[in-house]
Protein backbone atom coordinates (compact mmCIF):
# COMPACT_ATOMS: atom_id res chain seq x y z
CA MET A 1 -34.40 -38.50 2.51
CA ASP A 2 -31.77 -35.65 1.75
CA LYS A 3 -31.72 -34.71 -2.32
CA ASN A 4 -28.37 -37.13 -2.97
CA LYS A 5 -30.48 -39.97 -1.29
CA VAL A 6 -33.36 -39.41 -3.06
CA ASP A 7 -31.92 -39.35 -6.50
CA LEU A 8 -30.38 -42.57 -5.61
CA ALA A 9 -33.22 -43.99 -4.12
CA LYS A 10 -34.83 -43.00 -7.48
CA ARG A 11 -31.56 -44.51 -9.70
CA ILE A 12 -31.66 -48.02 -7.69
CA GLY A 13 -35.18 -48.17 -7.84
CA ALA A 14 -35.84 -47.75 -11.22
CA ARG A 15 -32.70 -49.99 -12.34
CA VAL A 16 -34.30 -52.78 -10.41
CA GLN A 17 -37.74 -52.45 -11.55
CA GLU A 18 -36.49 -52.51 -15.27
CA LEU A 19 -34.12 -55.22 -14.76
CA ARG A 20 -37.21 -57.24 -13.22
CA GLU A 21 -39.38 -55.93 -15.88
CA ASP A 22 -37.25 -57.24 -18.74
CA GLN A 23 -36.27 -60.88 -17.13
CA GLY A 24 -40.39 -61.10 -17.20
CA LEU A 25 -40.19 -61.41 -13.52
CA LYS A 26 -44.37 -59.64 -11.74
CA LEU A 27 -42.99 -58.01 -8.12
CA LYS A 28 -44.45 -61.11 -6.01
CA GLU A 29 -41.69 -63.65 -8.41
CA LEU A 30 -39.33 -61.77 -7.51
CA SER A 31 -40.08 -61.35 -3.68
CA GLU A 32 -39.63 -65.88 -3.49
CA ILE A 33 -36.31 -65.74 -5.50
CA THR A 34 -35.22 -62.83 -3.17
CA GLY A 35 -37.03 -63.94 0.32
CA LEU A 36 -37.52 -59.78 0.50
CA SER A 37 -41.16 -59.19 0.39
CA SER A 38 -43.59 -57.57 -1.90
CA SER A 39 -44.47 -54.38 -0.50
CA PHE A 40 -41.15 -53.49 0.33
CA LEU A 41 -39.66 -54.37 -3.51
CA SER A 42 -42.78 -52.17 -4.52
CA ARG A 43 -40.96 -48.93 -1.99
CA MET A 44 -37.87 -49.96 -3.42
CA GLU A 45 -38.49 -49.82 -6.60
CA HIS A 46 -40.49 -46.33 -6.60
CA GLY A 47 -37.45 -44.58 -4.69
CA ALA A 48 -39.13 -44.83 -1.57
CA THR A 49 -36.70 -46.05 0.18
CA VAL A 50 -32.50 -47.15 0.24
CA PRO A 51 -31.23 -50.82 0.88
CA SER A 52 -28.46 -51.93 2.81
CA ILE A 53 -26.10 -53.25 0.62
CA GLN A 54 -26.47 -56.56 1.94
CA THR A 55 -29.98 -56.56 0.17
CA LEU A 56 -29.03 -54.70 -3.17
CA GLN A 57 -25.75 -57.46 -2.99
CA ILE A 58 -29.35 -60.44 -2.96
CA ILE A 59 -31.42 -58.32 -5.40
CA SER A 60 -27.90 -57.82 -8.02
CA ASP A 61 -27.28 -61.80 -7.65
CA SER A 62 -30.99 -62.93 -8.20
CA LEU A 63 -31.36 -60.45 -10.93
CA LYS A 64 -27.56 -61.78 -12.21
CA VAL A 65 -26.44 -58.44 -12.75
CA ASP A 66 -22.91 -56.51 -11.13
CA ILE A 67 -24.31 -54.91 -7.86
CA GLY A 68 -22.46 -51.83 -9.22
CA TYR A 69 -24.97 -51.72 -12.10
CA LEU A 70 -27.77 -50.36 -9.44
CA PHE A 71 -25.48 -47.80 -8.88
CA LYS A 72 -24.93 -46.39 -12.58
CA GLU A 73 -26.53 -43.29 -14.25
CA GLU A 74 -28.76 -43.21 -17.03
CA GLU A 75 -26.69 -42.24 -20.14
CA LYS A 76 -28.19 -39.06 -21.95
CA LYS A 77 -29.49 -39.65 -25.27
CA TYR A 78 -30.41 -36.30 -25.68
CA VAL A 79 -30.03 -32.62 -24.29
CA ILE A 80 -31.74 -29.45 -24.14
CA THR A 81 -30.10 -26.06 -23.49
CA TYR A 82 -32.06 -22.99 -22.95
CA GLN A 83 -30.91 -19.27 -24.26
CA GLY A 84 -29.17 -17.61 -21.02
CA SER A 85 -28.64 -20.73 -18.98
CA ARG A 86 -25.80 -22.01 -21.10
CA LYS A 87 -22.41 -22.14 -19.64
CA ILE A 88 -20.11 -19.72 -21.58
CA ASN A 89 -16.62 -20.31 -21.48
CA HIS A 90 -13.62 -17.79 -22.62
CA SER A 91 -11.13 -18.70 -24.90
CA GLN A 92 -7.90 -16.52 -24.46
CA ARG A 93 -5.92 -16.17 -27.81
CA GLY A 94 -3.35 -13.34 -29.52
CA ALA A 95 0.42 -12.31 -28.55
CA LYS A 96 -1.40 -9.68 -25.97
CA GLY A 97 -3.24 -12.41 -24.45
CA LYS A 98 -6.84 -10.71 -24.69
CA VAL A 99 -9.41 -12.66 -24.65
CA THR A 100 -11.23 -12.84 -27.82
CA TYR A 101 -14.22 -15.65 -28.04
CA LYS A 102 -16.86 -16.14 -26.27
CA VAL A 103 -17.56 -20.38 -26.57
CA GLU A 104 -21.54 -20.90 -25.71
CA SER A 105 -21.64 -25.27 -25.66
CA LEU A 106 -25.01 -26.79 -26.99
CA ALA A 107 -23.60 -30.21 -26.55
CA GLU A 108 -22.76 -29.89 -22.54
CA GLY A 109 -23.53 -32.36 -20.81
CA MET A 110 -23.96 -35.23 -23.62
CA ILE A 111 -22.42 -38.49 -23.36
CA ASN A 112 -19.86 -39.28 -26.23
CA PRO A 113 -21.04 -37.02 -28.74
CA PHE A 114 -20.33 -37.16 -32.54
CA MET A 115 -20.19 -33.46 -33.04
CA ASP A 116 -18.90 -30.19 -31.31
CA PRO A 117 -21.66 -27.67 -32.10
CA PHE A 118 -21.08 -24.10 -29.89
CA VAL A 119 -21.94 -20.55 -30.63
CA LEU A 120 -19.00 -18.28 -30.83
CA THR A 121 -18.78 -14.61 -30.16
CA CYS A 122 -15.64 -12.89 -31.42
CA LEU A 123 -15.22 -10.48 -29.01
CA ALA A 124 -11.29 -8.89 -30.05
CA ARG A 125 -10.37 -6.70 -33.03
CA ASP A 126 -6.82 -5.98 -31.78
CA HIS A 127 -5.89 -9.74 -33.92
CA GLU A 128 -2.25 -8.91 -33.77
CA GLY A 129 -0.16 -12.91 -33.34
CA PHE A 130 -3.85 -14.46 -34.04
CA GLU A 131 -2.59 -17.93 -35.16
CA SER A 132 -4.81 -20.61 -37.60
CA VAL A 133 -5.82 -23.61 -36.05
CA GLN A 134 -6.04 -26.93 -37.45
CA HIS A 135 -7.96 -30.40 -36.24
CA GLY A 136 -9.23 -33.63 -37.60
CA GLY A 137 -13.13 -33.79 -38.83
CA GLN A 138 -15.20 -31.79 -40.86
CA GLU A 139 -16.50 -28.39 -39.66
CA ILE A 140 -19.76 -25.88 -41.15
CA ILE A 141 -19.76 -21.95 -39.60
CA TYR A 142 -22.99 -20.24 -40.05
CA VAL A 143 -22.77 -16.38 -39.14
CA LEU A 144 -25.61 -15.56 -37.17
CA GLU A 145 -24.59 -12.17 -36.31
CA GLY A 146 -21.97 -9.37 -37.57
CA GLU A 147 -19.33 -9.68 -40.45
CA ILE A 148 -16.42 -12.12 -40.75
CA GLU A 149 -13.18 -12.68 -41.97
CA MET A 150 -13.04 -16.55 -42.62
CA THR A 151 -9.40 -17.98 -43.21
CA LEU A 152 -8.79 -20.90 -44.80
CA GLY A 153 -5.52 -21.98 -45.70
CA LYS A 154 -3.96 -18.96 -47.53
CA LYS A 155 -7.70 -17.87 -48.60
CA GLN A 156 -9.11 -14.75 -46.93
CA PHE A 157 -13.11 -14.79 -47.57
CA VAL A 158 -15.23 -11.59 -46.07
CA MET A 159 -18.66 -13.15 -45.12
CA LYS A 160 -22.10 -11.94 -43.24
CA LYS A 161 -25.24 -12.74 -41.58
CA GLY A 162 -26.59 -15.80 -43.64
CA ASP A 163 -23.00 -17.45 -45.45
CA ALA A 164 -22.13 -20.32 -44.82
CA VAL A 165 -18.86 -22.79 -44.98
CA TYR A 166 -18.51 -26.44 -44.75
CA HIS A 167 -14.32 -27.04 -44.82
CA ASP A 168 -12.42 -29.88 -43.94
CA SER A 169 -10.77 -28.81 -40.59
CA THR A 170 -7.53 -30.42 -41.31
CA ILE A 171 -6.88 -27.09 -43.74
CA PRO A 172 -5.36 -24.15 -41.37
CA HIS A 173 -8.47 -21.67 -40.38
CA LYS A 174 -9.54 -18.67 -38.15
CA VAL A 175 -12.29 -16.32 -37.83
CA ILE A 176 -12.18 -12.65 -36.80
CA SER A 177 -14.52 -10.54 -36.46
CA LEU A 178 -14.69 -7.41 -38.69
CA SER A 179 -17.71 -5.61 -36.86
CA LYS A 180 -17.80 -2.60 -34.91
CA LYS A 181 -19.82 -4.88 -32.69
CA PRO A 182 -18.85 -8.85 -31.76
CA ALA A 183 -19.26 -10.98 -34.69
CA LYS A 184 -21.66 -14.20 -33.63
CA ILE A 185 -21.49 -17.61 -34.91
CA LEU A 186 -22.88 -21.60 -35.15
CA SER A 187 -19.95 -23.67 -35.10
CA VAL A 188 -20.41 -27.38 -35.71
CA ASN A 189 -17.47 -29.48 -35.25
CA LEU A 190 -17.85 -33.39 -36.80
CA MET A 191 -15.05 -35.00 -34.29
CA PRO A 192 -13.79 -38.17 -35.65
CA GLY A 193 -11.20 -38.45 -33.11
CA LYS A 194 -9.34 -36.08 -30.53
CA ARG A 195 -9.12 -33.28 -31.34
CA GLU A 196 -5.69 -31.17 -31.69
CA ASN A 197 -4.73 -27.16 -31.25
CA VAL A 198 -7.56 -25.76 -30.51
CA PRO A 199 -8.26 -22.53 -28.53
CA GLU A 200 -8.02 -23.30 -24.93
CA LEU A 201 -11.06 -22.43 -22.66
CA LEU A 202 -10.30 -20.10 -19.87
CA ARG A 203 -12.14 -21.55 -17.21
């Protein structure tokens, strides 16, 4: 089997085994209910074969679930990201259209995340036309490298490595680098709903 079929076979097998065990059924008992041999059901649960749709319908009916459940991918309860392998996007901001932010997501692939954590590298030093943003929720920013100017409403704060700010994200805010080298920050947003008016990412 090719990789896609192998993945599908393992997913279906895991779903059937999970349902069978949740209902307290042994392989022999499921075999008696479905009319399928125990050896076939065992191979299927171990991902060694992809059953026909007709066979899957018999199994799903016997286990009292919709057939679509057997194909459903398991929702991720966690994600682990490794330095150097994370996807990096860029945000285009400012009057001259200069790329100013490099955005490295720390939660890509997480299902229904409550937070939006990312490492933000401030690249450009020409910040003409650079506007503040605001959105729902709350946000914490921690300076990892360099020196930044943090604008909150009409106030500006100079922050260096190790400094942090926690703020209401409805306050207009922006971060610019004051360093000769790019500044880097860890930003974590708590998102109660859809975020609006945030930097557009360039894929």
